[in-house]
Every structure is written in structure tokens, then in C-alpha cells.
């Protein structure tokens, strides 16, 4: 009797595994222009809805600025550093507030949809106020003040 249930359980597990849909995050952000303490980038994001995809795209732009930098811009090096996991763990309250409460939007001077490939993939052009963002990071102790 037990032998009869084994193939049925195996088939059910295979169907359950294939039924799960995984959305892989896209971390694509490209430098467009810079001037007077601001940087404009194009970033892509993936989400279950258009709104979530746009939020992911905006957050990807900030993550790239914080942990990778934009080589062809005045912000060649990352604002925070290369150790993304360590920085996010060490300053968890700051990053939880920044992303969880969407406080990063206070540093956005302009944002608009640059392309919508479907309802789950958005591309946005976003201008970030670098001076205000850097001052906020310094105030919170995430980065040191220049020269200190």
C-alpha cells in the first residue's frame, strides 16, 4: 500500500516545485548625467505590479550609488562602501527606515518612467540629490565626514 503512494507524492512535489514562480531582482542602473550636486541615472526594477517594479528600480539606483558607484560619473566610488551586507547589517535601522518607509524619496528631485516592458518590469530615470544624501549619511554615522 505504501508503495502505491510514493509515485503520487513524488508527482505532487514536482508539480508544486514548478508551480512556484520566482522573480529574480534586476540590479541594472546606468549613469546618465550629473551637475550641481545631483546625479541622474536610469535604473530597472522587477516587481509583481507596476508600482512595486518602479519602487525596485528606484531602490536599485540607490543601492548602486551606495555600494558600487558609477564609474563614468563624479561618483566613481561607492558612497557607503563595497561591503553591502556588512553595511546593511551594521546600520540596519538606517537602511530599514530609508527603504522600509520609502524615505529615500526625500532625496529624489525628479523621477519618471523611462520604459515599461510589461507590468512586472519598469525602467525609471531618477535624479538624486547627492549633497543632501551625503549629509544625511554623515549625520546618521553611516559614512564619515570628508576630511575627518
Protein backbone atom coordinates (compact mmCIF):
# COMPACT_ATOMS: atom_id res chain seq x y z
CA UNK A 1 0.00 0.00 0.00
CA UNK A 2 2.85 2.41 0.89
CA UNK A 3 4.50 1.71 -2.47
CA UNK A 4 1.41 2.96 -4.31
CA UNK A 5 1.58 6.40 -2.63
CA UNK A 6 5.27 7.07 -3.33
CA UNK A 7 4.85 7.90 -7.06
CA UNK A 8 1.80 10.05 -6.32
CA UNK A 9 3.69 12.02 -3.66
CA UNK A 10 6.68 12.43 -5.98
CA UNK A 11 4.49 13.74 -8.82
CA UNK A 12 2.72 16.14 -6.45
CA UNK A 13 6.07 17.51 -5.24
CA UNK A 14 7.30 18.01 -8.81
CA UNK A 15 4.14 19.93 -9.75
CA UNK A 16 4.40 22.04 -6.60
CA UNK A 17 8.02 22.93 -7.36
CA UNK A 18 7.21 24.02 -10.93
CA UNK A 19 4.17 25.99 -9.79
CA UNK A 20 6.32 28.37 -7.73
CA UNK A 21 7.17 31.49 -9.71
CA UNK A 22 10.40 33.19 -8.75
CA UNK A 23 11.09 36.78 -9.74
CA UNK A 24 14.80 37.48 -10.00
CA UNK A 25 15.69 41.04 -8.99
CA UNK A 26 17.39 43.15 -11.63
CA UNK A 27 20.15 45.44 -10.42
CA UNK A 28 20.70 47.43 -13.57
CA UNK A 29 21.50 51.12 -13.12
CA UNK A 30 23.25 53.36 -15.66
CA UNK A 31 24.69 56.84 -15.26
CA UNK A 32 23.08 59.48 -17.50
CA UNK A 33 24.25 62.91 -16.31
CA UNK A 34 25.40 64.94 -13.33
CA UNK A 35 25.52 68.54 -12.26
CA UNK A 36 25.48 70.82 -9.23
CA UNK A 37 25.32 68.14 -6.53
CA UNK A 38 22.87 65.84 -8.28
CA UNK A 39 23.17 62.69 -10.37
CA UNK A 40 20.71 61.32 -12.92
CA UNK A 41 20.59 57.57 -13.59
CA UNK A 42 18.39 55.10 -15.43
CA UNK A 43 17.52 52.04 -13.41
CA UNK A 44 15.40 48.94 -13.95
CA UNK A 45 13.34 47.02 -11.44
CA UNK A 46 11.17 43.93 -11.27
CA UNK A 47 8.02 43.51 -9.18
CA UNK A 48 4.64 41.82 -9.13
CA UNK A 49 2.93 45.11 -10.03
CA UNK A 50 3.99 48.26 -11.88
CA UNK A 51 4.24 50.19 -8.61
CA UNK A 52 6.45 47.53 -6.98
CA UNK A 53 8.63 47.38 -10.09
CA UNK A 54 9.09 51.16 -10.01
CA UNK A 55 9.98 51.06 -6.30
CA UNK A 56 12.51 48.28 -7.02
CA UNK A 57 14.03 50.36 -9.84
CA UNK A 58 14.41 53.41 -7.58
CA UNK A 59 15.94 51.31 -4.81
CA UNK A 60 18.33 49.70 -7.32
CA UNK A 61 19.59 53.17 -8.23
CA UNK A 62 20.29 53.95 -4.57
CA UNK A 63 21.94 50.55 -3.96
CA UNK A 64 24.23 51.09 -6.94
CA UNK A 65 25.13 54.55 -5.67
CA UNK A 66 25.76 53.27 -2.12
CA UNK A 67 27.68 50.06 -2.87
CA UNK A 68 29.04 50.19 -6.43
CA UNK A 69 29.29 53.78 -7.64
CA UNK A 70 29.03 54.95 -11.24
CA UNK A 71 32.47 54.78 -12.93
CA UNK A 72 31.68 57.32 -15.64
CA UNK A 73 30.39 59.95 -13.17
CA UNK A 74 31.83 62.17 -10.43
CA UNK A 75 30.67 59.41 -8.00
CA UNK A 76 33.18 56.79 -9.19
CA UNK A 77 33.43 55.07 -5.82
CA UNK A 78 30.54 53.86 -3.67
CA UNK A 79 29.15 56.32 -1.15
CA UNK A 80 29.00 53.76 1.65
CA UNK A 81 31.49 51.06 0.67
CA UNK A 82 31.82 47.77 -1.15
CA UNK A 83 30.58 45.53 1.70
CA UNK A 84 26.84 45.80 1.11
CA UNK A 85 25.78 43.05 3.51
CA UNK A 86 28.06 44.29 6.30
CA UNK A 87 26.96 47.92 5.95
CA UNK A 88 23.28 47.00 5.85
CA UNK A 89 23.72 44.85 8.95
CA UNK A 90 25.80 47.42 10.86
CA UNK A 91 23.39 50.28 10.04
CA UNK A 92 20.19 48.23 9.90
CA UNK A 93 17.96 50.89 11.46
CA UNK A 94 19.08 53.49 8.93
CA UNK A 95 18.53 51.25 5.88
CA UNK A 96 15.24 49.87 7.25
CA UNK A 97 13.96 53.43 7.62
CA UNK A 98 15.39 54.50 4.26
CA UNK A 99 13.83 51.66 2.26
CA UNK A 100 11.00 50.45 4.50
CA UNK A 101 9.43 53.89 4.94
CA UNK A 102 10.48 54.97 1.44
CA UNK A 103 12.44 57.86 2.96
CA UNK A 104 14.86 57.61 0.03
CA UNK A 105 12.20 59.53 -1.94
CA UNK A 106 13.15 62.70 0.01
CA UNK A 107 16.46 62.70 -1.91
CA UNK A 108 14.80 62.30 -5.32
CA UNK A 109 14.41 65.59 -7.16
CA UNK A 110 12.93 64.07 -10.30
CA UNK A 111 11.69 60.64 -11.32
CA UNK A 112 9.76 59.41 -14.32
CA UNK A 113 9.14 56.15 -16.12
CA UNK A 114 11.62 55.66 -18.93
CA UNK A 115 10.10 52.41 -20.17
CA UNK A 116 7.56 49.81 -19.22
CA UNK A 117 8.24 46.43 -20.74
CA UNK A 118 5.32 44.73 -19.04
CA UNK A 119 3.59 45.16 -15.71
CA UNK A 120 6.46 43.49 -13.86
CA UNK A 121 9.48 45.30 -15.37
CA UNK A 122 9.94 49.06 -15.15
CA UNK A 123 12.73 51.40 -16.15
CA UNK A 124 12.93 54.83 -14.49
CA UNK A 125 15.10 57.90 -14.88
CA UNK A 126 15.79 59.27 -11.43
CA UNK A 127 17.69 62.35 -10.27
CA UNK A 128 19.20 62.06 -6.79
CA UNK A 129 20.35 65.00 -4.66
CA UNK A 130 23.85 63.78 -3.75
CA UNK A 131 24.66 66.65 -1.39
CA UNK A 132 21.59 66.06 0.78
CA UNK A 133 22.04 62.29 0.68
CA UNK A 134 25.72 62.52 1.68
CA UNK A 135 24.83 64.92 4.54
CA UNK A 136 22.15 62.51 5.76
CA UNK A 137 24.56 59.56 5.65
CA UNK A 138 27.12 61.59 7.62
CA UNK A 139 24.54 62.71 10.20
CA UNK A 140 23.43 59.11 10.74
CA UNK A 141 27.04 57.92 11.12
CA UNK A 142 26.88 55.62 8.10
CA UNK A 143 29.81 57.44 6.47
CA UNK A 144 32.45 59.77 7.89
CA UNK A 145 32.55 63.46 7.11
CA UNK A 146 35.03 64.40 4.41
CA UNK A 147 38.43 65.15 5.93
CA UNK A 148 37.73 63.69 9.40
